[in-house]
Amino acid sequence: MKFRAYDEYLNEMRIISMREIKNYREEDLMQFIGLLDKNGKEIYEGDLIRVSGYEDRMPIDAIFEIKWSEENYCIIAYNEAEWLMPLDIVGCEVIGHVRSLSHFLNRNL
């Protein structure tokens, strides 16, 4: 397992060791989902991804948040209109994280 967390002291995201996990609140931990985006960047819970391409010959260009689904017992890509399973996000691009782009999403995180 691989995790990262936002380090408020350093004001940056950082990979944390299993020993460091106890120093963070559960809601601050983000697990690596085992997939890379089209640029080779690791995808973590809380990342925002852009999915572009075609589905049933219709163009798609949407932003999704990577999150855990209690209902489906798996990681999904979610936005208010739809959700995708991890295999559907192949070829996506990480564009940020919900904490760094919360103003863009108009949320208070």
N, C-alpha and C. Protein backbone atom coordinates (compact mmCIF):
# COMPACT_ATOMS: atom_id res chain seq x y z
N MET A 1 0.84 -1.17 0.00
CA MET A 1 0.00 0.00 0.00
C MET A 1 0.88 1.24 0.00
N LYS A 2 0.39 2.25 -0.68
CA LYS A 2 1.13 3.51 -0.77
C LYS A 2 0.15 4.65 -0.49
N PHE A 3 0.57 5.58 0.37
CA PHE A 3 -0.29 6.69 0.75
C PHE A 3 0.46 8.01 0.59
N ARG A 4 -0.33 9.06 0.45
CA ARG A 4 0.21 10.41 0.53
C ARG A 4 -0.74 11.21 1.42
N ALA A 5 -0.25 12.34 1.87
CA ALA A 5 -1.05 13.23 2.70
C ALA A 5 -0.56 14.65 2.47
N TYR A 6 -1.42 15.61 2.78
CA TYR A 6 -1.04 17.00 2.67
C TYR A 6 -0.30 17.38 3.94
N ASP A 7 0.92 17.85 3.80
CA ASP A 7 1.73 18.29 4.93
C ASP A 7 1.54 19.79 5.08
N GLU A 8 0.80 20.19 6.11
CA GLU A 8 0.50 21.60 6.31
C GLU A 8 1.75 22.41 6.63
N TYR A 9 2.70 21.81 7.31
CA TYR A 9 3.94 22.51 7.66
C TYR A 9 4.74 22.85 6.40
N LEU A 10 4.87 21.87 5.49
CA LEU A 10 5.62 22.09 4.25
C LEU A 10 4.75 22.67 3.14
N ASN A 11 3.42 22.69 3.36
CA ASN A 11 2.47 23.20 2.38
C ASN A 11 2.57 22.45 1.05
N GLU A 12 2.61 21.11 1.15
CA GLU A 12 2.70 20.29 -0.05
C GLU A 12 2.21 18.87 0.21
N MET A 13 1.88 18.18 -0.86
CA MET A 13 1.55 16.76 -0.77
C MET A 13 2.85 15.99 -0.67
N ARG A 14 2.84 14.94 0.14
CA ARG A 14 4.03 14.10 0.23
C ARG A 14 3.66 12.66 0.45
N ILE A 15 4.50 11.77 -0.07
CA ILE A 15 4.34 10.34 0.15
C ILE A 15 4.72 10.08 1.60
N ILE A 16 3.92 9.27 2.29
CA ILE A 16 4.21 8.98 3.69
C ILE A 16 4.45 7.49 3.87
N SER A 17 5.27 7.18 4.84
CA SER A 17 5.58 5.78 5.14
C SER A 17 4.47 5.19 6.01
N MET A 18 4.45 3.88 6.09
CA MET A 18 3.45 3.21 6.91
C MET A 18 3.61 3.62 8.38
N ARG A 19 4.82 3.91 8.82
CA ARG A 19 5.03 4.36 10.19
C ARG A 19 4.43 5.74 10.45
N GLU A 20 4.38 6.57 9.42
CA GLU A 20 3.87 7.94 9.58
C GLU A 20 2.35 8.02 9.55
N ILE A 21 1.70 6.98 9.11
CA ILE A 21 0.24 7.02 8.97
C ILE A 21 -0.44 7.44 10.26
N LYS A 22 0.06 6.96 11.38
CA LYS A 22 -0.57 7.26 12.67
C LYS A 22 -0.54 8.75 13.00
N ASN A 23 0.30 9.52 12.32
CA ASN A 23 0.41 10.95 12.57
C ASN A 23 -0.62 11.78 11.80
N TYR A 24 -1.44 11.13 10.99
CA TYR A 24 -2.42 11.82 10.15
C TYR A 24 -3.83 11.37 10.46
N ARG A 25 -4.76 12.27 10.28
CA ARG A 25 -6.18 11.90 10.40
C ARG A 25 -6.56 11.07 9.19
N GLU A 26 -7.50 10.15 9.37
CA GLU A 26 -7.92 9.27 8.28
C GLU A 26 -8.39 10.05 7.06
N GLU A 27 -9.10 11.14 7.28
CA GLU A 27 -9.62 11.92 6.15
C GLU A 27 -8.52 12.66 5.39
N ASP A 28 -7.31 12.74 5.96
CA ASP A 28 -6.20 13.40 5.28
C ASP A 28 -5.34 12.43 4.46
N LEU A 29 -5.56 11.14 4.63
CA LEU A 29 -4.78 10.12 3.91
C LEU A 29 -5.39 9.85 2.54
N MET A 30 -4.54 9.70 1.54
CA MET A 30 -4.98 9.39 0.18
C MET A 30 -4.20 8.18 -0.31
N GLN A 31 -4.93 7.13 -0.68
CA GLN A 31 -4.28 5.89 -1.11
C GLN A 31 -4.06 5.88 -2.61
N PHE A 32 -2.89 5.40 -3.02
CA PHE A 32 -2.58 5.19 -4.44
C PHE A 32 -3.50 4.09 -4.95
N ILE A 33 -4.15 4.31 -6.11
CA ILE A 33 -5.12 3.33 -6.60
C ILE A 33 -4.50 2.29 -7.53
N GLY A 34 -3.21 2.39 -7.77
CA GLY A 34 -2.53 1.39 -8.59
C GLY A 34 -2.54 1.68 -10.08
N LEU A 35 -3.01 2.87 -10.47
CA LEU A 35 -3.06 3.24 -11.88
C LEU A 35 -2.27 4.53 -12.11
N LEU A 36 -1.80 4.68 -13.33
CA LEU A 36 -1.10 5.90 -13.73
C LEU A 36 -1.93 6.62 -14.78
N ASP A 37 -1.81 7.94 -14.84
CA ASP A 37 -2.50 8.68 -15.89
C ASP A 37 -1.70 8.57 -17.19
N LYS A 38 -2.16 9.24 -18.23
CA LYS A 38 -1.52 9.12 -19.54
C LYS A 38 -0.11 9.70 -19.57
N ASN A 39 0.24 10.49 -18.56
CA ASN A 39 1.59 11.08 -18.46
C ASN A 39 2.49 10.31 -17.49
N GLY A 40 2.00 9.19 -16.97
CA GLY A 40 2.79 8.39 -16.04
C GLY A 40 2.70 8.85 -14.59
N LYS A 41 1.78 9.75 -14.28
CA LYS A 41 1.61 10.26 -12.92
C LYS A 41 0.71 9.31 -12.13
N GLU A 42 1.11 9.01 -10.89
CA GLU A 42 0.30 8.13 -10.03
C GLU A 42 -1.03 8.79 -9.70
N ILE A 43 -2.09 7.97 -9.63
CA ILE A 43 -3.43 8.46 -9.31
C ILE A 43 -3.77 8.04 -7.89
N TYR A 44 -4.19 9.02 -7.08
CA TYR A 44 -4.54 8.81 -5.67
C TYR A 44 -5.99 9.20 -5.43
N GLU A 45 -6.55 8.69 -4.32
CA GLU A 45 -7.86 9.15 -3.87
C GLU A 45 -7.81 10.66 -3.75
N GLY A 46 -8.90 11.32 -4.14
CA GLY A 46 -8.96 12.78 -4.04
C GLY A 46 -8.42 13.50 -5.25
N ASP A 47 -7.76 12.78 -6.15
CA ASP A 47 -7.27 13.43 -7.37
C ASP A 47 -8.44 13.79 -8.27
N LEU A 48 -8.24 14.85 -9.03
CA LEU A 48 -9.19 15.23 -10.07
C LEU A 48 -8.57 14.83 -11.39
N ILE A 49 -9.35 14.13 -12.20
CA ILE A 49 -8.84 13.67 -13.49
C ILE A 49 -9.73 14.18 -14.61
N ARG A 50 -9.13 14.40 -15.75
CA ARG A 50 -9.88 14.76 -16.96
C ARG A 50 -9.92 13.52 -17.84
N VAL A 51 -11.12 13.12 -18.19
CA VAL A 51 -11.33 11.98 -19.08
C VAL A 51 -11.80 12.53 -20.41
N SER A 52 -11.03 12.28 -21.46
CA SER A 52 -11.37 12.75 -22.80
C SER A 52 -11.39 11.56 -23.74
N GLY A 53 -12.23 11.62 -24.72
CA GLY A 53 -12.30 10.54 -25.70
C GLY A 53 -13.70 10.40 -26.24
N TYR A 54 -14.05 9.17 -26.55
CA TYR A 54 -15.37 8.90 -27.13
C TYR A 54 -16.01 7.72 -26.42
N GLU A 55 -17.31 7.78 -26.25
CA GLU A 55 -18.10 6.68 -25.72
C GLU A 55 -19.31 6.56 -26.62
N ASP A 56 -19.48 5.40 -27.21
CA ASP A 56 -20.59 5.19 -28.17
C ASP A 56 -20.60 6.29 -29.23
N ARG A 57 -19.41 6.61 -29.74
CA ARG A 57 -19.20 7.60 -30.80
C ARG A 57 -19.54 9.03 -30.40
N MET A 58 -19.76 9.25 -29.09
CA MET A 58 -20.05 10.59 -28.60
C MET A 58 -18.80 11.11 -27.88
N PRO A 59 -18.40 12.36 -28.14
CA PRO A 59 -17.22 12.90 -27.47
C PRO A 59 -17.46 13.09 -25.97
N ILE A 60 -16.42 12.80 -25.21
CA ILE A 60 -16.46 12.98 -23.76
C ILE A 60 -15.31 13.89 -23.36
N ASP A 61 -15.58 14.85 -22.52
CA ASP A 61 -14.53 15.67 -21.91
C ASP A 61 -15.10 16.08 -20.56
N ALA A 62 -14.74 15.32 -19.53
CA ALA A 62 -15.33 15.55 -18.21
C ALA A 62 -14.27 15.43 -17.12
N ILE A 63 -14.55 16.06 -16.00
CA ILE A 63 -13.67 16.00 -14.84
C ILE A 63 -14.33 15.13 -13.78
N PHE A 64 -13.52 14.23 -13.21
CA PHE A 64 -14.00 13.32 -12.18
C PHE A 64 -13.09 13.38 -10.97
N GLU A 65 -13.66 13.10 -9.81
CA GLU A 65 -12.89 12.96 -8.57
C GLU A 65 -12.71 11.47 -8.28
N ILE A 66 -11.50 11.09 -7.91
CA ILE A 66 -11.23 9.70 -7.53
C ILE A 66 -11.62 9.54 -6.06
N LYS A 67 -12.50 8.59 -5.78
CA LYS A 67 -12.95 8.40 -4.40
C LYS A 67 -13.35 6.96 -4.13
N TRP A 68 -13.43 6.60 -2.86
CA TRP A 68 -13.87 5.29 -2.43
C TRP A 68 -15.39 5.25 -2.45
N SER A 69 -15.96 4.17 -2.99
CA SER A 69 -17.41 3.99 -3.02
C SER A 69 -17.79 2.90 -2.03
N GLU A 70 -18.44 3.28 -0.94
CA GLU A 70 -18.93 2.30 0.03
C GLU A 70 -19.95 1.37 -0.62
N GLU A 71 -20.76 1.94 -1.49
CA GLU A 71 -21.81 1.17 -2.16
C GLU A 71 -21.24 0.07 -3.06
N ASN A 72 -20.15 0.38 -3.77
CA ASN A 72 -19.56 -0.57 -4.71
C ASN A 72 -18.31 -1.26 -4.17
N TYR A 73 -17.86 -0.87 -2.97
CA TYR A 73 -16.65 -1.44 -2.35
C TYR A 73 -15.44 -1.37 -3.26
N CYS A 74 -15.26 -0.22 -3.89
CA CYS A 74 -14.11 -0.05 -4.78
C CYS A 74 -13.86 1.44 -5.01
N ILE A 75 -12.73 1.73 -5.62
CA ILE A 75 -12.40 3.09 -6.03
C ILE A 75 -13.17 3.39 -7.31
N ILE A 76 -13.77 4.58 -7.39
CA ILE A 76 -14.46 5.00 -8.61
C ILE A 76 -14.03 6.42 -8.97
N ALA A 77 -14.29 6.79 -10.19
CA ALA A 77 -14.16 8.18 -10.63
C ALA A 77 -15.57 8.73 -10.66
N TYR A 78 -15.81 9.84 -9.95
CA TYR A 78 -17.16 10.34 -9.74
C TYR A 78 -17.27 11.82 -10.07
N ASN A 79 -18.37 12.19 -10.70
CA ASN A 79 -18.79 13.58 -10.74
C ASN A 79 -20.29 13.59 -10.54
N GLU A 80 -20.92 14.75 -10.52
CA GLU A 80 -22.35 14.80 -10.20
C GLU A 80 -23.23 14.13 -11.24
N ALA A 81 -22.73 13.93 -12.45
CA ALA A 81 -23.54 13.36 -13.52
C ALA A 81 -23.39 11.84 -13.64
N GLU A 82 -22.21 11.31 -13.34
CA GLU A 82 -21.97 9.88 -13.55
C GLU A 82 -20.76 9.42 -12.76
N TRP A 83 -20.53 8.12 -12.78
CA TRP A 83 -19.32 7.56 -12.18
C TRP A 83 -18.75 6.51 -13.11
N LEU A 84 -17.44 6.31 -12.99
CA LEU A 84 -16.73 5.36 -13.83
C LEU A 84 -15.92 4.40 -12.97
N MET A 85 -15.78 3.17 -13.43
CA MET A 85 -14.92 2.20 -12.77
C MET A 85 -13.48 2.50 -13.18
N PRO A 86 -12.48 2.05 -12.39
CA PRO A 86 -11.08 2.36 -12.71
C PRO A 86 -10.64 2.00 -14.12
N LEU A 87 -11.10 0.90 -14.67
CA LEU A 87 -10.66 0.53 -16.01
C LEU A 87 -11.17 1.50 -17.07
N ASP A 88 -12.22 2.24 -16.76
CA ASP A 88 -12.76 3.23 -17.70
C ASP A 88 -11.95 4.52 -17.73
N ILE A 89 -11.01 4.68 -16.82
CA ILE A 89 -10.26 5.93 -16.76
C ILE A 89 -8.88 5.83 -17.40
N VAL A 90 -8.60 4.72 -18.06
CA VAL A 90 -7.33 4.57 -18.75
C VAL A 90 -7.21 5.68 -19.79
N GLY A 91 -6.08 6.35 -19.84
CA GLY A 91 -5.88 7.45 -20.77
C GLY A 91 -6.30 8.80 -20.19
N CYS A 92 -6.66 8.83 -18.90
CA CYS A 92 -7.05 10.09 -18.27
C CYS A 92 -5.81 10.91 -17.92
N GLU A 93 -6.04 12.12 -17.43
CA GLU A 93 -4.94 12.99 -17.02
C GLU A 93 -5.27 13.58 -15.65
N VAL A 94 -4.33 13.45 -14.70
CA VAL A 94 -4.50 14.09 -13.39
C VAL A 94 -4.32 15.59 -13.58
N ILE A 95 -5.31 16.36 -13.15
CA ILE A 95 -5.24 17.81 -13.31
C ILE A 95 -5.10 18.53 -11.97
N GLY A 96 -5.17 17.79 -10.88
CA GLY A 96 -5.03 18.40 -9.56
C GLY A 96 -5.62 17.50 -8.49
N HIS A 97 -5.87 18.11 -7.36
CA HIS A 97 -6.43 17.41 -6.22
C HIS A 97 -7.55 18.27 -5.65
N VAL A 98 -8.54 17.64 -5.04
CA VAL A 98 -9.69 18.40 -4.54
C VAL A 98 -9.29 19.49 -3.55
N ARG A 99 -8.26 19.27 -2.76
CA ARG A 99 -7.83 20.30 -1.81
C ARG A 99 -7.20 21.49 -2.53
N SER A 100 -6.41 21.23 -3.55
CA SER A 100 -5.74 22.32 -4.25
C SER A 100 -6.67 23.05 -5.20
N LEU A 101 -7.74 22.41 -5.61
CA LEU A 101 -8.67 23.03 -6.55
C LEU A 101 -10.06 23.20 -5.95
N SER A 102 -10.17 23.26 -4.62
CA SER A 102 -11.49 23.35 -4.00
C SER A 102 -12.22 24.63 -4.41
N HIS A 103 -11.47 25.71 -4.67
CA HIS A 103 -12.10 26.94 -5.14
C HIS A 103 -12.73 26.73 -6.51
N PHE A 104 -12.09 25.90 -7.34
CA PHE A 104 -12.60 25.59 -8.67
C PHE A 104 -13.89 24.79 -8.57
N LEU A 105 -13.94 23.88 -7.61
CA LEU A 105 -15.13 23.04 -7.43
C LEU A 105 -16.22 23.72 -6.62
N ASN A 106 -15.88 24.90 -6.05
CA ASN A 106 -16.83 25.64 -5.24
C ASN A 106 -17.25 24.84 -4.02
N ARG A 107 -16.27 24.22 -3.37
CA ARG A 107 -16.52 23.41 -2.18
C ARG A 107 -15.72 23.94 -1.02
N ASN A 108 -16.16 23.62 0.17
CA ASN A 108 -15.38 23.89 1.38
C ASN A 108 -14.88 22.57 1.90
N LEU A 109 -13.62 22.25 1.66
CA LEU A 109 -13.06 20.98 2.11
C LEU A 109 -12.19 21.19 3.33
